[in-house]
Amino acid sequence: MLVLGRREGDRVLIISPNGETVTVTVCRKKHGHLRLGFDAPKDHKIIRAESLEKNLSKQQSAQAANL
């Protein structure tokens, strides 16, 4: 895991091997909360990890019920 210190307005670029770029911008840091902005190609999905984990858990429960 790469850990970076960033200030408001700073950006981090994630560049895929095929040259597509995702830009992550620190929009605001206030009262211990951090707001991030993501700029990515339209065909990229950006979701929160906890949302993905919740959906996977629901799918596994549904599959178990069908057995």
PDB file of N, CA and C in Angstrom:
ATOM      1  N   MET A   1       0.853  -1.175   0.000  1.00  0.00           N
ATOM      2  CA  MET A   1       0.000   0.000   0.000  1.00  0.00           C
ATOM      3  C   MET A   1       0.894   1.232   0.000  1.00  0.00           C
ATOM      4  N   LEU A   2       0.563   2.174  -0.832  1.00  0.00           N
ATOM      5  CA  LEU A   2       1.255   3.455  -0.881  1.00  0.00           C
ATOM      6  C   LEU A   2       0.486   4.440  -0.010  1.00  0.00           C
ATOM      7  N   VAL A   3       1.161   5.080   0.918  1.00  0.00           N
ATOM      8  CA  VAL A   3       0.527   6.070   1.790  1.00  0.00           C
ATOM      9  C   VAL A   3       1.152   7.423   1.495  1.00  0.00           C
ATOM     10  N   LEU A   4       0.301   8.394   1.154  1.00  0.00           N
ATOM     11  CA  LEU A   4       0.773   9.732   0.805  1.00  0.00           C
ATOM     12  C   LEU A   4       0.151  10.780   1.706  1.00  0.00           C
ATOM     13  N   GLY A   5       0.902  11.799   2.021  1.00  0.00           N
ATOM     14  CA  GLY A   5       0.341  12.973   2.670  1.00  0.00           C
ATOM     15  C   GLY A   5      -0.001  13.973   1.574  1.00  0.00           C
ATOM     16  N   ARG A   6      -1.199  14.499   1.582  1.00  0.00           N
ATOM     17  CA  ARG A   6      -1.633  15.455   0.563  1.00  0.00           C
ATOM     18  C   ARG A   6      -2.354  16.609   1.239  1.00  0.00           C
ATOM     19  N   ARG A   7      -2.302  17.761   0.624  1.00  0.00           N
ATOM     20  CA  ARG A   7      -3.012  18.935   1.110  1.00  0.00           C
ATOM     21  C   ARG A   7      -4.191  19.227   0.195  1.00  0.00           C
ATOM     22  N   GLU A   8      -5.095  20.054   0.673  1.00  0.00           N
ATOM     23  CA  GLU A   8      -6.257  20.447  -0.118  1.00  0.00           C
ATOM     24  C   GLU A   8      -5.795  21.001  -1.466  1.00  0.00           C
ATOM     25  N   GLY A   9      -6.405  20.478  -2.531  1.00  0.00           N
ATOM     26  CA  GLY A   9      -6.059  20.905  -3.889  1.00  0.00           C
ATOM     27  C   GLY A   9      -5.005  20.030  -4.551  1.00  0.00           C
ATOM     28  N   ASP A  10      -4.282  19.230  -3.765  1.00  0.00           N
ATOM     29  CA  ASP A  10      -3.281  18.325  -4.339  1.00  0.00           C
ATOM     30  C   ASP A  10      -3.964  17.185  -5.075  1.00  0.00           C
ATOM     31  N   ARG A  11      -3.259  16.616  -6.064  1.00  0.00           N
ATOM     32  CA  ARG A  11      -3.816  15.532  -6.861  1.00  0.00           C
ATOM     33  C   ARG A  11      -2.868  14.343  -6.892  1.00  0.00           C
ATOM     34  N   VAL A  12      -3.436  13.184  -7.128  1.00  0.00           N
ATOM     35  CA  VAL A  12      -2.685  11.950  -7.352  1.00  0.00           C
ATOM     36  C   VAL A  12      -3.208  11.363  -8.653  1.00  0.00           C
ATOM     37  N   LEU A  13      -2.305  10.925  -9.516  1.00  0.00           N
ATOM     38  CA  LEU A  13      -2.696  10.317 -10.784  1.00  0.00           C
ATOM     39  C   LEU A  13      -2.457   8.814 -10.721  1.00  0.00           C
ATOM     40  N   ILE A  14      -3.436   8.048 -11.190  1.00  0.00           N
ATOM     41  CA  ILE A  14      -3.316   6.601 -11.324  1.00  0.00           C
ATOM     42  C   ILE A  14      -3.370   6.325 -12.818  1.00  0.00           C
ATOM     43  N   ILE A  15      -2.273   5.793 -13.357  1.00  0.00           N
ATOM     44  CA  ILE A  15      -2.173   5.584 -14.805  1.00  0.00           C
ATOM     45  C   ILE A  15      -2.101   4.085 -15.084  1.00  0.00           C
ATOM     46  N   SER A  16      -3.067   3.598 -15.876  1.00  0.00           N
ATOM     47  CA  SER A  16      -3.103   2.178 -16.207  1.00  0.00           C
ATOM     48  C   SER A  16      -2.068   1.876 -17.292  1.00  0.00           C
ATOM     49  N   PRO A  17      -1.739   0.601 -17.464  1.00  0.00           N
ATOM     50  CA  PRO A  17      -0.758   0.225 -18.496  1.00  0.00           C
ATOM     51  C   PRO A  17      -1.161   0.667 -19.907  1.00  0.00           C
ATOM     52  N   ASN A  18      -2.480   0.785 -20.160  1.00  0.00           N
ATOM     53  CA  ASN A  18      -2.906   1.209 -21.504  1.00  0.00           C
ATOM     54  C   ASN A  18      -3.003   2.727 -21.621  1.00  0.00           C
ATOM     55  N   GLY A  19      -2.560   3.467 -20.598  1.00  0.00           N
ATOM     56  CA  GLY A  19      -2.484   4.917 -20.689  1.00  0.00           C
ATOM     57  C   GLY A  19      -3.684   5.670 -20.142  1.00  0.00           C
ATOM     58  N   GLU A  20      -4.719   4.967 -19.691  1.00  0.00           N
ATOM     59  CA  GLU A  20      -5.874   5.654 -19.113  1.00  0.00           C
ATOM     60  C   GLU A  20      -5.496   6.205 -17.740  1.00  0.00           C
ATOM     61  N   THR A  21      -5.993   7.388 -17.436  1.00  0.00           N
ATOM     62  CA  THR A  21      -5.621   8.062 -16.202  1.00  0.00           C
ATOM     63  C   THR A  21      -6.835   8.321 -15.324  1.00  0.00           C
ATOM     64  N   VAL A  22      -6.693   8.036 -14.032  1.00  0.00           N
ATOM     65  CA  VAL A  22      -7.675   8.402 -13.017  1.00  0.00           C
ATOM     66  C   VAL A  22      -7.000   9.456 -12.147  1.00  0.00           C
ATOM     67  N   THR A  23      -7.659  10.587 -11.966  1.00  0.00           N
ATOM     68  CA  THR A  23      -7.131  11.657 -11.140  1.00  0.00           C
ATOM     69  C   THR A  23      -7.922  11.719  -9.841  1.00  0.00           C
ATOM     70  N   VAL A  24      -7.214  11.692  -8.715  1.00  0.00           N
ATOM     71  CA  VAL A  24      -7.834  11.811  -7.399  1.00  0.00           C
ATOM     72  C   VAL A  24      -7.380  13.154  -6.832  1.00  0.00           C
ATOM     73  N   THR A  25      -8.356  14.007  -6.488  1.00  0.00           N
ATOM     74  CA  THR A  25      -8.065  15.339  -5.970  1.00  0.00           C
ATOM     75  C   THR A  25      -8.565  15.463  -4.535  1.00  0.00           C
ATOM     76  N   VAL A  26      -7.724  16.010  -3.662  1.00  0.00           N
ATOM     77  CA  VAL A  26      -8.168  16.310  -2.297  1.00  0.00           C
ATOM     78  C   VAL A  26      -8.970  17.595  -2.385  1.00  0.00           C
ATOM     79  N   CYS A  27     -10.292  17.478  -2.203  1.00  0.00           N
ATOM     80  CA  CYS A  27     -11.174  18.631  -2.348  1.00  0.00           C
ATOM     81  C   CYS A  27     -11.275  19.441  -1.053  1.00  0.00           C
ATOM     82  N   ARG A  28     -11.351  18.729   0.070  1.00  0.00           N
ATOM     83  CA  ARG A  28     -11.517  19.439   1.341  1.00  0.00           C
ATOM     84  C   ARG A  28     -11.112  18.539   2.494  1.00  0.00           C
ATOM     85  N   LYS A  29     -10.489  19.130   3.488  1.00  0.00           N
ATOM     86  CA  LYS A  29     -10.148  18.426   4.717  1.00  0.00           C
ATOM     87  C   LYS A  29     -10.663  19.293   5.854  1.00  0.00           C
ATOM     88  N   LYS A  30     -11.628  18.755   6.617  1.00  0.00           N
ATOM     89  CA  LYS A  30     -12.259  19.560   7.654  1.00  0.00           C
ATOM     90  C   LYS A  30     -12.705  18.664   8.800  1.00  0.00           C
ATOM     91  N   HIS A  31     -12.339  19.008  10.001  1.00  0.00           N
ATOM     92  CA  HIS A  31     -12.760  18.281  11.201  1.00  0.00           C
ATOM     93  C   HIS A  31     -12.457  16.787  11.110  1.00  0.00           C
ATOM     94  N   GLY A  32     -11.298  16.435  10.582  1.00  0.00           N
ATOM     95  CA  GLY A  32     -10.917  15.034  10.498  1.00  0.00           C
ATOM     96  C   GLY A  32     -11.532  14.265   9.345  1.00  0.00           C
ATOM     97  N   HIS A  33     -12.361  14.932   8.536  1.00  0.00           N
ATOM     98  CA  HIS A  33     -12.980  14.282   7.376  1.00  0.00           C
ATOM     99  C   HIS A  33     -12.276  14.753   6.110  1.00  0.00           C
ATOM    100  N   LEU A  34     -12.141  13.840   5.192  1.00  0.00           N
ATOM    101  CA  LEU A  34     -11.461  14.130   3.941  1.00  0.00           C
ATOM    102  C   LEU A  34     -12.432  13.948   2.792  1.00  0.00           C
ATOM    103  N   ARG A  35     -12.513  14.902   1.903  1.00  0.00           N
ATOM    104  CA  ARG A  35     -13.345  14.802   0.701  1.00  0.00           C
ATOM    105  C   ARG A  35     -12.425  14.622  -0.486  1.00  0.00           C
ATOM    106  N   LEU A  36     -12.698  13.576  -1.270  1.00  0.00           N
ATOM    107  CA  LEU A  36     -11.899  13.281  -2.451  1.00  0.00           C
ATOM    108  C   LEU A  36     -12.749  13.408  -3.700  1.00  0.00           C
ATOM    109  N   GLY A  37     -12.150  13.883  -4.766  1.00  0.00           N
ATOM    110  CA  GLY A  37     -12.813  13.939  -6.069  1.00  0.00           C
ATOM    111  C   GLY A  37     -12.092  13.004  -7.023  1.00  0.00           C
ATOM    112  N   PHE A  38     -12.863  12.273  -7.827  1.00  0.00           N
ATOM    113  CA  PHE A  38     -12.295  11.310  -8.764  1.00  0.00           C
ATOM    114  C   PHE A  38     -12.686  11.699 -10.183  1.00  0.00           C
ATOM    115  N   ASP A  39     -11.718  11.722 -11.065  1.00  0.00           N
ATOM    116  CA  ASP A  39     -11.958  11.983 -12.480  1.00  0.00           C
ATOM    117  C   ASP A  39     -11.390  10.788 -13.239  1.00  0.00           C
ATOM    118  N   ALA A  40     -12.288   9.998 -13.853  1.00  0.00           N
ATOM    119  CA  ALA A  40     -11.869   8.777 -14.534  1.00  0.00           C
ATOM    120  C   ALA A  40     -12.632   8.633 -15.844  1.00  0.00           C
ATOM    121  N   PRO A  41     -12.112   7.799 -16.758  1.00  0.00           N
ATOM    122  CA  PRO A  41     -12.844   7.536 -17.995  1.00  0.00           C
ATOM    123  C   PRO A  41     -14.246   7.001 -17.684  1.00  0.00           C
ATOM    124  N   LYS A  42     -15.192   7.267 -18.547  1.00  0.00           N
ATOM    125  CA  LYS A  42     -16.605   6.903 -18.338  1.00  0.00           C
ATOM    126  C   LYS A  42     -16.814   5.409 -18.122  1.00  0.00           C
ATOM    127  N   ASP A  43     -15.978   4.570 -18.714  1.00  0.00           N
ATOM    128  CA  ASP A  43     -16.182   3.128 -18.582  1.00  0.00           C
ATOM    129  C   ASP A  43     -15.607   2.548 -17.287  1.00  0.00           C
ATOM    130  N   HIS A  44     -15.028   3.388 -16.430  1.00  0.00           N
ATOM    131  CA  HIS A  44     -14.505   2.943 -15.138  1.00  0.00           C
ATOM    132  C   HIS A  44     -15.562   3.135 -14.056  1.00  0.00           C
ATOM    133  N   LYS A  45     -15.737   2.127 -13.220  1.00  0.00           N
ATOM    134  CA  LYS A  45     -16.640   2.242 -12.077  1.00  0.00           C
ATOM    135  C   LYS A  45     -15.821   2.679 -10.871  1.00  0.00           C
ATOM    136  N   ILE A  46     -16.355   3.617 -10.119  1.00  0.00           N
ATOM    137  CA  ILE A  46     -15.728   4.033  -8.875  1.00  0.00           C
ATOM    138  C   ILE A  46     -16.767   3.823  -7.780  1.00  0.00           C
ATOM    139  N   ILE A  47     -16.472   2.899  -6.867  1.00  0.00           N
ATOM    140  CA  ILE A  47     -17.410   2.607  -5.785  1.00  0.00           C
ATOM    141  C   ILE A  47     -16.644   2.512  -4.467  1.00  0.00           C
ATOM    142  N   ARG A  48     -17.367   2.677  -3.372  1.00  0.00           N
ATOM    143  CA  ARG A  48     -16.771   2.532  -2.045  1.00  0.00           C
ATOM    144  C   ARG A  48     -16.595   1.049  -1.743  1.00  0.00           C
ATOM    145  N   ALA A  49     -15.523   0.693  -1.076  1.00  0.00           N
ATOM    146  CA  ALA A  49     -15.232  -0.710  -0.756  1.00  0.00           C
ATOM    147  C   ALA A  49     -16.344  -1.323   0.067  1.00  0.00           C
ATOM    148  N   GLU A  50     -16.904  -0.567   1.025  1.00  0.00           N
ATOM    149  CA  GLU A  50     -17.957  -1.135   1.871  1.00  0.00           C
ATOM    150  C   GLU A  50     -19.218  -1.443   1.066  1.00  0.00           C
ATOM    151  N   SER A  51     -19.480  -0.696   0.014  1.00  0.00           N
ATOM    152  CA  SER A  51     -20.628  -0.981  -0.854  1.00  0.00           C
ATOM    153  C   SER A  51     -20.407  -2.290  -1.612  1.00  0.00           C
ATOM    154  N   LEU A  52     -19.205  -2.484  -2.107  1.00  0.00           N
ATOM    155  CA  LEU A  52     -18.885  -3.720  -2.828  1.00  0.00           C
ATOM    156  C   LEU A  52     -18.992  -4.922  -1.895  1.00  0.00           C
ATOM    157  N   GLU A  53     -18.444  -4.807  -0.690  1.00  0.00           N
ATOM    158  CA  GLU A  53     -18.500  -5.907   0.271  1.00  0.00           C
ATOM    159  C   GLU A  53     -19.942  -6.254   0.636  1.00  0.00           C
ATOM    160  N   LYS A  54     -20.789  -5.248   0.799  1.00  0.00           N
ATOM    161  CA  LYS A  54     -22.199  -5.473   1.130  1.00  0.00           C
ATOM    162  C   LYS A  54     -22.899  -6.214  -0.008  1.00  0.00           C
ATOM    163  N   ASN A  55     -22.661  -5.788  -1.243  1.00  0.00           N
ATOM    164  CA  ASN A  55     -23.280  -6.436  -2.399  1.00  0.00           C
ATOM    165  C   ASN A  55     -22.801  -7.875  -2.553  1.00  0.00           C
ATOM    166  N   LEU A  56     -21.519  -8.122  -2.326  1.00  0.00           N
ATOM    167  CA  LEU A  56     -20.996  -9.490  -2.430  1.00  0.00           C
ATOM    168  C   LEU A  56     -21.614 -10.383  -1.360  1.00  0.00           C
ATOM    169  N   SER A  57     -21.784  -9.854  -0.167  1.00  0.00           N
ATOM    170  CA  SER A  57     -22.396 -10.617   0.919  1.00  0.00           C
ATOM    171  C   SER A  57     -23.842 -10.978   0.579  1.00  0.00           C
ATOM    172  N   LYS A  58     -24.583 -10.040  -0.005  1.00  0.00           N
ATOM    173  CA  LYS A  58     -25.967 -10.305  -0.409  1.00  0.00           C
ATOM    174  C   LYS A  58     -26.025 -11.383  -1.479  1.00  0.00           C
ATOM    175  N   GLN A  59     -25.119 -11.315  -2.449  1.00  0.00           N
ATOM    176  CA  GLN A  59     -25.069 -12.309  -3.527  1.00  0.00           C
ATOM    177  C   GLN A  59     -24.767 -13.691  -2.969  1.00  0.00           C
ATOM    178  N   GLN A  60     -23.820 -13.768  -2.035  1.00  0.00           N
ATOM    179  CA  GLN A  60     -23.479 -15.061  -1.442  1.00  0.00           C
ATOM    180  C   GLN A  60     -24.646 -15.637  -0.661  1.00  0.00           C
ATOM    181  N   SER A  61     -25.378 -14.783   0.057  1.00  0.00           N
ATOM    182  CA  SER A  61     -26.550 -15.242   0.802  1.00  0.00           C
ATOM    183  C   SER A  61     -27.630 -15.773  -0.137  1.00  0.00           C
ATOM    184  N   ALA A  62     -27.841 -15.067  -1.246  1.00  0.00           N
ATOM    185  CA  ALA A  62     -28.844 -15.491  -2.222  1.00  0.00           C
ATOM    186  C   ALA A  62     -28.446 -16.820  -2.866  1.00  0.00           C
ATOM    187  N   GLN A  63     -27.171 -16.994  -3.158  1.00  0.00           N
ATOM    188  CA  GLN A  63     -26.716 -18.258  -3.746  1.00  0.00           C
ATOM    189  C   GLN A  63     -26.873 -19.405  -2.768  1.00  0.00           C
ATOM    190  N   ALA A  64     -26.585 -19.165  -1.497  1.00  0.00           N
ATOM    191  CA  ALA A  64     -26.733 -20.202  -0.477  1.00  0.00           C
ATOM    192  C   ALA A  64     -28.195 -20.601  -0.307  1.00  0.00           C
ATOM    193  N   ALA A  65     -29.104 -19.640  -0.424  1.00  0.00           N
ATOM    194  CA  ALA A  65     -30.526 -19.911  -0.290  1.00  0.00           C
ATOM    195  C   ALA A  65     -31.043 -20.743  -1.457  1.00  0.00           C
ATOM    196  N   ASN A  66     -30.422 -20.614  -2.613  1.00  0.00           N
ATOM    197  CA  ASN A  66     -30.849 -21.349  -3.799  1.00  0.00           C
ATOM    198  C   ASN A  66     -30.329 -22.777  -3.842  1.00  0.00           C
ATOM    199  N   LEU A  67     -29.426 -23.143  -2.939  1.00  0.00           N
ATOM    200  CA  LEU A  67     -28.867 -24.505  -2.945  1.00  0.00           C
ATOM    201  C   LEU A  67     -29.770 -25.475  -2.309  1.00  0.00           C
TER     202      LEU A  67
END
